[in-house]
Amino acid sequence: MCVLFWWLGTWQWGRHLERADRNAAIERAQSEEPVDLAVLVDDPTDEDASAVYRPVTASGTYLADEQVLQRNPRGRSGYEVVTPLELDQGGTLLVDRGWVAASPTDVNAPAADVAPPDGPVRVTVRLRAAQPTSDRQAPPGQVYAIDPGSMAESLPQPVYALYGELIDQAPPPDGDLELPEPSETGIGVHLFYAIQWWLFIVIALCGFGALLRRESRADSVLDDDDTLDATVG
């Protein structure tokens, strides 16, 4: 049992180190100075892992007619407002402009007007990889996952395989929208589980020692009883 507990603790420790390395890489990427999108991403259709979480700048015009709402992102009752940005350099970048609560009178509509600004804008966004798609059917104009590939057909080409989370915008972003938070880099529970499994080793050894001591005392009592019977006899 101790060998098993040691192996389980070591496995969880390895998961903890992997999580710590991933968090460090995300934090480094998010802390980089913004660069022009075209400089960082050569091929828009390439989902370049090295570009994920990096801040970039881009200029263009929002395509209001192509805007969609992501339903209940991360379990929150409301919507992420996702608006395609037709870039001055050509092509389209999906921009998550922020979160808005659902309307108290209609759960299938946002609580505020989330129309994008007219005219040219310049944005600073954090690049993110496409989210896993869902088989669930959302109402028209809504989605369950932000996936540029599923929206690419009706947009000016090429459509970037990565999408952007809005950090800043000129003109200023809509005050009714809660800007996307940086990616979560919590340490998770793997370290706790590793310590827990290793503590089980101590508990097991202490329990085994207590059991041996109890058996030893029981044997001693039996020996004393045999000696007393022999003396009386």
C-alpha atoms as a PDB file:
ATOM      1  CA  MET A   1       0.000   0.000   0.000  1.00  0.00           C
ATOM      2  CA  CYS A   2       2.838   2.418   0.800  1.00  0.00           C
ATOM      3  CA  VAL A   3       4.377   1.827  -2.633  1.00  0.00           C
ATOM      4  CA  LEU A   4       0.993   2.556  -4.248  1.00  0.00           C
ATOM      5  CA  PHE A   5       0.546   5.727  -2.174  1.00  0.00           C
ATOM      6  CA  TRP A   6       4.055   6.881  -3.098  1.00  0.00           C
ATOM      7  CA  TRP A   7       3.382   6.333  -6.800  1.00  0.00           C
ATOM      8  CA  LEU A   8       0.062   8.203  -6.655  1.00  0.00           C
ATOM      9  CA  GLY A   9       1.692  11.095  -4.798  1.00  0.00           C
ATOM     10  CA  THR A  10       4.533  11.251  -7.323  1.00  0.00           C
ATOM     11  CA  TRP A  11       2.029  11.244 -10.210  1.00  0.00           C
ATOM     12  CA  GLN A  12       0.099  14.144  -8.669  1.00  0.00           C
ATOM     13  CA  TRP A  13       3.380  16.002  -8.034  1.00  0.00           C
ATOM     14  CA  GLY A  14       4.222  15.631 -11.724  1.00  0.00           C
ATOM     15  CA  ARG A  15       0.801  17.043 -12.641  1.00  0.00           C
ATOM     16  CA  HIS A  16       1.468  19.946 -10.273  1.00  0.00           C
ATOM     17  CA  LEU A  17       4.805  20.719 -11.961  1.00  0.00           C
ATOM     18  CA  GLU A  18       3.168  20.567 -15.408  1.00  0.00           C
ATOM     19  CA  ARG A  19       0.468  22.991 -14.236  1.00  0.00           C
ATOM     20  CA  ALA A  20       3.077  25.336 -12.750  1.00  0.00           C
ATOM     21  CA  ASP A  21       5.092  25.336 -16.007  1.00  0.00           C
ATOM     22  CA  ARG A  22       1.931  25.985 -18.046  1.00  0.00           C
ATOM     23  CA  ASN A  23       0.909  28.834 -15.753  1.00  0.00           C
ATOM     24  CA  ALA A  24       4.359  30.402 -16.003  1.00  0.00           C
ATOM     25  CA  ALA A  25       4.222  30.230 -19.819  1.00  0.00           C
ATOM     26  CA  ILE A  26       0.745  31.815 -19.876  1.00  0.00           C
ATOM     27  CA  GLU A  27       1.791  34.610 -17.520  1.00  0.00           C
ATOM     28  CA  ARG A  28       4.896  35.324 -19.612  1.00  0.00           C
ATOM     29  CA  ALA A  29       2.840  35.469 -22.799  1.00  0.00           C
ATOM     30  CA  GLN A  30       0.155  37.700 -21.290  1.00  0.00           C
ATOM     31  CA  SER A  31       2.758  40.115 -19.913  1.00  0.00           C
ATOM     32  CA  GLU A  32       4.431  40.676 -23.304  1.00  0.00           C
ATOM     33  CA  GLU A  33       4.133  44.104 -24.895  1.00  0.00           C
ATOM     34  CA  PRO A  34       1.435  44.203 -27.609  1.00  0.00           C
ATOM     35  CA  VAL A  35       2.678  43.843 -31.179  1.00  0.00           C
ATOM     36  CA  ASP A  36       0.900  44.219 -34.487  1.00  0.00           C
ATOM     37  CA  LEU A  37      -1.200  41.165 -35.345  1.00  0.00           C
ATOM     38  CA  ALA A  38       0.351  40.827 -38.808  1.00  0.00           C
ATOM     39  CA  VAL A  39       3.849  40.801 -37.284  1.00  0.00           C
ATOM     40  CA  LEU A  40       3.077  37.988 -34.821  1.00  0.00           C
ATOM     41  CA  VAL A  41       0.880  35.785 -37.030  1.00  0.00           C
ATOM     42  CA  ASP A  42       2.194  35.185 -40.548  1.00  0.00           C
ATOM     43  CA  ASP A  43      -0.502  32.746 -41.644  1.00  0.00           C
ATOM     44  CA  PRO A  44      -3.988  33.658 -40.361  1.00  0.00           C
ATOM     45  CA  THR A  45      -5.276  30.118 -40.884  1.00  0.00           C
ATOM     46  CA  ASP A  46      -2.507  28.594 -38.737  1.00  0.00           C
ATOM     47  CA  GLU A  47      -3.485  28.041 -35.096  1.00  0.00           C
ATOM     48  CA  ASP A  48       0.014  28.948 -33.884  1.00  0.00           C
ATOM     49  CA  ALA A  49       0.344  27.787 -30.262  1.00  0.00           C
ATOM     50  CA  SER A  50       3.230  30.214 -29.659  1.00  0.00           C
ATOM     51  CA  ALA A  51       0.885  33.146 -30.358  1.00  0.00           C
ATOM     52  CA  VAL A  52      -1.836  32.062 -27.923  1.00  0.00           C
ATOM     53  CA  TYR A  53      -2.222  34.419 -24.916  1.00  0.00           C
ATOM     54  CA  ARG A  54      -0.051  37.064 -26.592  1.00  0.00           C
ATOM     55  CA  PRO A  55      -1.436  40.633 -26.750  1.00  0.00           C
ATOM     56  CA  VAL A  56      -1.654  42.131 -30.238  1.00  0.00           C
ATOM     57  CA  THR A  57      -3.026  45.271 -31.858  1.00  0.00           C
ATOM     58  CA  ALA A  58      -5.177  45.528 -34.962  1.00  0.00           C
ATOM     59  CA  SER A  59      -7.277  48.098 -36.800  1.00  0.00           C
ATOM     60  CA  GLY A  60     -10.478  47.669 -38.736  1.00  0.00           C
ATOM     61  CA  THR A  61     -14.248  47.921 -38.693  1.00  0.00           C
ATOM     62  CA  TYR A  62     -16.669  45.750 -36.731  1.00  0.00           C
ATOM     63  CA  LEU A  63     -19.177  43.730 -38.757  1.00  0.00           C
ATOM     64  CA  ALA A  64     -22.289  44.319 -36.648  1.00  0.00           C
ATOM     65  CA  ASP A  65     -24.506  42.076 -38.801  1.00  0.00           C
ATOM     66  CA  GLU A  66     -22.209  39.088 -38.156  1.00  0.00           C
ATOM     67  CA  GLN A  67     -22.054  39.510 -34.368  1.00  0.00           C
ATOM     68  CA  VAL A  68     -22.983  36.471 -32.245  1.00  0.00           C
ATOM     69  CA  LEU A  69     -23.565  35.858 -28.548  1.00  0.00           C
ATOM     70  CA  GLN A  70     -21.907  32.977 -26.701  1.00  0.00           C
ATOM     71  CA  ARG A  71     -24.419  31.517 -24.258  1.00  0.00           C
ATOM     72  CA  ASN A  72     -23.534  31.008 -20.586  1.00  0.00           C
ATOM     73  CA  PRO A  73     -19.731  31.193 -20.894  1.00  0.00           C
ATOM     74  CA  ARG A  74     -17.901  29.387 -18.064  1.00  0.00           C
ATOM     75  CA  GLY A  75     -21.249  28.640 -16.459  1.00  0.00           C
ATOM     76  CA  ARG A  76     -22.199  32.313 -16.017  1.00  0.00           C
ATOM     77  CA  SER A  77     -25.759  33.284 -16.830  1.00  0.00           C
ATOM     78  CA  GLY A  78     -25.272  35.732 -19.652  1.00  0.00           C
ATOM     79  CA  TYR A  79     -23.360  36.160 -22.887  1.00  0.00           C
ATOM     80  CA  GLU A  80     -19.937  36.835 -24.311  1.00  0.00           C
ATOM     81  CA  VAL A  81     -20.363  39.295 -27.188  1.00  0.00           C
ATOM     82  CA  VAL A  82     -18.310  38.080 -30.175  1.00  0.00           C
ATOM     83  CA  THR A  83     -17.965  40.528 -33.067  1.00  0.00           C
ATOM     84  CA  PRO A  84     -15.944  39.957 -36.265  1.00  0.00           C
ATOM     85  CA  LEU A  85     -13.444  42.716 -36.969  1.00  0.00           C
ATOM     86  CA  GLU A  86     -12.792  43.288 -40.680  1.00  0.00           C
ATOM     87  CA  LEU A  87      -9.122  44.232 -40.668  1.00  0.00           C
ATOM     88  CA  ASP A  88      -7.583  47.104 -42.583  1.00  0.00           C
ATOM     89  CA  GLN A  89      -4.853  44.704 -43.692  1.00  0.00           C
ATOM     90  CA  GLY A  90      -7.445  42.258 -45.026  1.00  0.00           C
ATOM     91  CA  GLY A  91      -9.158  39.292 -43.442  1.00  0.00           C
ATOM     92  CA  THR A  92     -11.204  38.982 -40.283  1.00  0.00           C
ATOM     93  CA  LEU A  93     -10.449  38.520 -36.596  1.00  0.00           C
ATOM     94  CA  LEU A  94     -13.182  37.453 -34.161  1.00  0.00           C
ATOM     95  CA  VAL A  95     -13.127  39.676 -31.083  1.00  0.00           C
ATOM     96  CA  ASP A  96     -14.673  38.733 -27.750  1.00  0.00           C
ATOM     97  CA  ARG A  97     -15.723  42.227 -26.674  1.00  0.00           C
ATOM     98  CA  GLY A  98     -16.847  41.179 -23.179  1.00  0.00           C
ATOM     99  CA  TRP A  99     -19.615  39.687 -21.050  1.00  0.00           C
ATOM    100  CA  VAL A 100     -23.133  40.968 -20.487  1.00  0.00           C
ATOM    101  CA  ALA A 101     -25.848  39.581 -18.230  1.00  0.00           C
ATOM    102  CA  ALA A 102     -29.017  38.038 -19.647  1.00  0.00           C
ATOM    103  CA  SER A 103     -32.115  40.182 -19.683  1.00  0.00           C
ATOM    104  CA  PRO A 104     -34.310  39.690 -16.576  1.00  0.00           C
ATOM    105  CA  THR A 105     -37.350  39.553 -18.857  1.00  0.00           C
ATOM    106  CA  ASP A 106     -35.918  37.408 -21.669  1.00  0.00           C
ATOM    107  CA  VAL A 107     -33.180  34.872 -20.967  1.00  0.00           C
ATOM    108  CA  ASN A 108     -32.450  34.626 -24.695  1.00  0.00           C
ATOM    109  CA  ALA A 109     -31.438  38.284 -24.974  1.00  0.00           C
ATOM    110  CA  PRO A 110     -28.739  40.446 -23.361  1.00  0.00           C
ATOM    111  CA  ALA A 111     -29.630  42.949 -20.655  1.00  0.00           C
ATOM    112  CA  ALA A 112     -28.076  45.878 -22.594  1.00  0.00           C
ATOM    113  CA  ASP A 113     -27.541  47.113 -26.108  1.00  0.00           C
ATOM    114  CA  VAL A 114     -24.334  45.404 -27.258  1.00  0.00           C
ATOM    115  CA  ALA A 115     -24.079  46.824 -30.777  1.00  0.00           C
ATOM    116  CA  PRO A 116     -20.446  47.527 -31.726  1.00  0.00           C
ATOM    117  CA  PRO A 117     -19.277  51.072 -32.524  1.00  0.00           C
ATOM    118  CA  ASP A 118     -19.594  52.299 -36.088  1.00  0.00           C
ATOM    119  CA  GLY A 119     -16.552  53.241 -38.090  1.00  0.00           C
ATOM    120  CA  PRO A 120     -12.863  52.439 -37.695  1.00  0.00           C
ATOM    121  CA  VAL A 121     -11.552  51.082 -34.392  1.00  0.00           C
ATOM    122  CA  ARG A 122      -8.152  50.099 -33.073  1.00  0.00           C
ATOM    123  CA  VAL A 123      -8.115  47.242 -30.622  1.00  0.00           C
ATOM    124  CA  THR A 124      -5.668  45.540 -28.302  1.00  0.00           C
ATOM    125  CA  VAL A 125      -6.628  41.910 -27.800  1.00  0.00           C
ATOM    126  CA  ARG A 126      -5.280  38.766 -26.171  1.00  0.00           C
ATOM    127  CA  LEU A 127      -5.123  35.905 -28.685  1.00  0.00           C
ATOM    128  CA  ARG A 128      -6.872  32.690 -27.743  1.00  0.00           C
ATOM    129  CA  ALA A 129      -7.261  29.282 -29.360  1.00  0.00           C
ATOM    130  CA  ALA A 130     -10.643  28.242 -30.712  1.00  0.00           C
ATOM    131  CA  GLN A 131     -12.897  26.627 -28.124  1.00  0.00           C
ATOM    132  CA  PRO A 132     -14.094  23.020 -28.508  1.00  0.00           C
ATOM    133  CA  THR A 133     -17.364  22.957 -30.408  1.00  0.00           C
ATOM    134  CA  SER A 134     -20.602  21.622 -28.975  1.00  0.00           C
ATOM    135  CA  ASP A 135     -23.340  19.488 -30.546  1.00  0.00           C
ATOM    136  CA  ARG A 136     -26.001  21.533 -28.752  1.00  0.00           C
ATOM    137  CA  GLN A 137     -28.121  23.780 -30.935  1.00  0.00           C
ATOM    138  CA  ALA A 138     -28.210  27.449 -29.904  1.00  0.00           C
ATOM    139  CA  PRO A 139     -30.880  29.961 -30.946  1.00  0.00           C
ATOM    140  CA  PRO A 140     -30.200  31.991 -34.108  1.00  0.00           C
ATOM    141  CA  GLY A 141     -27.388  34.491 -33.607  1.00  0.00           C
ATOM    142  CA  GLN A 142     -25.997  32.572 -30.632  1.00  0.00           C
ATOM    143  CA  VAL A 143     -23.323  29.908 -30.115  1.00  0.00           C
ATOM    144  CA  TYR A 144     -22.032  27.717 -27.311  1.00  0.00           C
ATOM    145  CA  ALA A 145     -18.348  27.975 -28.295  1.00  0.00           C
ATOM    146  CA  ILE A 146     -16.147  30.626 -29.875  1.00  0.00           C
ATOM    147  CA  ASP A 147     -14.860  28.841 -32.952  1.00  0.00           C
ATOM    148  CA  PRO A 148     -13.691  31.004 -35.882  1.00  0.00           C
ATOM    149  CA  GLY A 149     -13.806  28.020 -38.210  1.00  0.00           C
ATOM    150  CA  SER A 150     -17.546  27.559 -37.767  1.00  0.00           C
ATOM    151  CA  MET A 151     -18.202  31.231 -38.618  1.00  0.00           C
ATOM    152  CA  ALA A 152     -15.686  31.643 -41.431  1.00  0.00           C
ATOM    153  CA  GLU A 153     -17.976  31.001 -44.404  1.00  0.00           C
ATOM    154  CA  SER A 154     -19.855  34.328 -44.236  1.00  0.00           C
ATOM    155  CA  LEU A 155     -16.850  36.504 -43.305  1.00  0.00           C
ATOM    156  CA  PRO A 156     -14.200  38.309 -45.384  1.00  0.00           C
ATOM    157  CA  GLN A 157     -11.306  35.943 -45.955  1.00  0.00           C
ATOM    158  CA  PRO A 158      -8.944  34.927 -44.542  1.00  0.00           C
ATOM    159  CA  VAL A 159     -10.454  34.391 -41.093  1.00  0.00           C
ATOM    160  CA  TYR A 160      -7.901  34.061 -38.289  1.00  0.00           C
ATOM    161  CA  ALA A 161      -7.932  30.650 -36.636  1.00  0.00           C
ATOM    162  CA  LEU A 162      -7.230  32.366 -33.303  1.00  0.00           C
ATOM    163  CA  TYR A 163      -9.678  34.838 -31.823  1.00  0.00           C
ATOM    164  CA  GLY A 164      -9.026  37.837 -29.587  1.00  0.00           C
ATOM    165  CA  GLU A 165     -10.206  38.811 -26.108  1.00  0.00           C
ATOM    166  CA  LEU A 166     -10.580  42.578 -25.944  1.00  0.00           C
ATOM    167  CA  ILE A 167      -8.134  44.374 -23.630  1.00  0.00           C
ATOM    168  CA  ASP A 168      -8.528  47.946 -24.859  1.00  0.00           C
ATOM    169  CA  GLN A 169     -10.107  49.825 -27.720  1.00  0.00           C
ATOM    170  CA  ALA A 170     -10.132  53.249 -29.378  1.00  0.00           C
ATOM    171  CA  PRO A 171     -12.804  54.543 -29.244  1.00  0.00           C
ATOM    172  CA  PRO A 172     -13.248  53.230 -25.678  1.00  0.00           C
ATOM    173  CA  PRO A 173     -15.082  49.898 -25.241  1.00  0.00           C
ATOM    174  CA  ASP A 174     -18.739  49.682 -24.289  1.00  0.00           C
ATOM    175  CA  GLY A 175     -19.177  50.345 -20.571  1.00  0.00           C
ATOM    176  CA  ASP A 176     -22.060  47.826 -20.397  1.00  0.00           C
ATOM    177  CA  LEU A 177     -19.658  44.993 -21.226  1.00  0.00           C
ATOM    178  CA  GLU A 178     -17.357  43.349 -18.693  1.00  0.00           C
ATOM    179  CA  LEU A 179     -14.005  42.925 -20.428  1.00  0.00           C
ATOM    180  CA  PRO A 180     -12.669  39.368 -20.586  1.00  0.00           C
ATOM    181  CA  GLU A 181     -10.407  38.452 -17.684  1.00  0.00           C
ATOM    182  CA  PRO A 182      -6.854  37.158 -18.295  1.00  0.00           C
ATOM    183  CA  SER A 183      -6.591  33.387 -18.322  1.00  0.00           C
ATOM    184  CA  GLU A 184      -6.814  31.699 -14.943  1.00  0.00           C
ATOM    185  CA  THR A 185      -3.424  30.560 -13.647  1.00  0.00           C
ATOM    186  CA  GLY A 186      -4.450  29.064 -10.324  1.00  0.00           C
ATOM    187  CA  ILE A 187      -2.214  26.326  -8.959  1.00  0.00           C
ATOM    188  CA  GLY A 188      -5.055  23.790  -8.780  1.00  0.00           C
ATOM    189  CA  VAL A 189      -5.386  20.822  -6.416  1.00  0.00           C
ATOM    190  CA  HIS A 190      -2.571  18.544  -7.605  1.00  0.00           C
ATOM    191  CA  LEU A 191      -0.118  19.690  -4.902  1.00  0.00           C
ATOM    192  CA  PHE A 192      -2.717  19.071  -2.189  1.00  0.00           C
ATOM    193  CA  TYR A 193      -3.433  15.590  -3.573  1.00  0.00           C
ATOM    194  CA  ALA A 194       0.292  14.747  -3.693  1.00  0.00           C
ATOM    195  CA  ILE A 195       0.728  15.726  -0.033  1.00  0.00           C
ATOM    196  CA  GLN A 196      -2.423  13.801   0.848  1.00  0.00           C
ATOM    197  CA  TRP A 197      -1.179  10.574  -0.756  1.00  0.00           C
ATOM    198  CA  TRP A 198       2.206  10.895   0.963  1.00  0.00           C
ATOM    199  CA  LEU A 199       0.495  11.488   4.318  1.00  0.00           C
ATOM    200  CA  PHE A 200      -1.354   8.224   3.767  1.00  0.00           C
ATOM    201  CA  ILE A 201       2.062   6.512   3.858  1.00  0.00           C
ATOM    202  CA  VAL A 202       2.715   7.913   7.351  1.00  0.00           C
ATOM    203  CA  ILE A 203      -0.786   6.912   8.455  1.00  0.00           C
ATOM    204  CA  ALA A 204      -0.342   3.413   7.036  1.00  0.00           C
ATOM    205  CA  LEU A 205       3.034   2.925   8.744  1.00  0.00           C
ATOM    206  CA  CYS A 206       1.726   4.250  12.050  1.00  0.00           C
ATOM    207  CA  GLY A 207      -1.334   2.021  11.767  1.00  0.00           C
ATOM    208  CA  PHE A 208       0.802  -1.000  10.924  1.00  0.00           C
ATOM    209  CA  GLY A 209       3.077  -0.265  13.897  1.00  0.00           C
ATOM    210  CA  ALA A 210       0.089   0.060  16.203  1.00  0.00           C
ATOM    211  CA  LEU A 211      -1.261  -3.254  14.918  1.00  0.00           C
ATOM    212  CA  LEU A 212       2.079  -4.989  15.527  1.00  0.00           C
ATOM    213  CA  ARG A 213       2.223  -3.537  19.048  1.00  0.00           C
ATOM    214  CA  ARG A 214      -1.298  -4.717  19.763  1.00  0.00           C
ATOM    215  CA  GLU A 215      -0.513  -8.235  18.550  1.00  0.00           C
ATOM    216  CA  SER A 216       2.682  -8.244  20.580  1.00  0.00           C
ATOM    217  CA  ARG A 217       0.778  -7.280  23.729  1.00  0.00           C
ATOM    218  CA  ALA A 218      -1.848  -9.955  22.996  1.00  0.00           C
ATOM    219  CA  ASP A 219       0.907 -12.588  22.623  1.00  0.00           C
ATOM    220  CA  SER A 220       2.490 -11.395  25.868  1.00  0.00           C
ATOM    221  CA  VAL A 221      -0.828 -11.792  27.703  1.00  0.00           C
ATOM    222  CA  LEU A 222      -1.223 -15.314  26.332  1.00  0.00           C
ATOM    223  CA  ASP A 223       2.303 -16.217  27.432  1.00  0.00           C
ATOM    224  CA  ASP A 224       1.563 -14.878  30.927  1.00  0.00           C
ATOM    225  CA  ASP A 225      -1.657 -16.909  31.073  1.00  0.00           C
ATOM    226  CA  ASP A 226       0.221 -20.076  30.022  1.00  0.00           C
ATOM    227  CA  THR A 227       2.872 -19.450  32.686  1.00  0.00           C
ATOM    228  CA  LEU A 228       0.206 -18.911  35.368  1.00  0.00           C
ATOM    229  CA  ASP A 229      -1.630 -22.117  34.352  1.00  0.00           C
ATOM    230  CA  ALA A 230       1.630 -24.071  34.514  1.00  0.00           C
ATOM    231  CA  THR A 231       2.408 -22.684  37.986  1.00  0.00           C
ATOM    232  CA  VAL A 232      -1.059 -23.461  39.334  1.00  0.00           C
ATOM    233  CA  GLY A 233      -0.936 -26.915  37.837  1.00  0.00           C
END
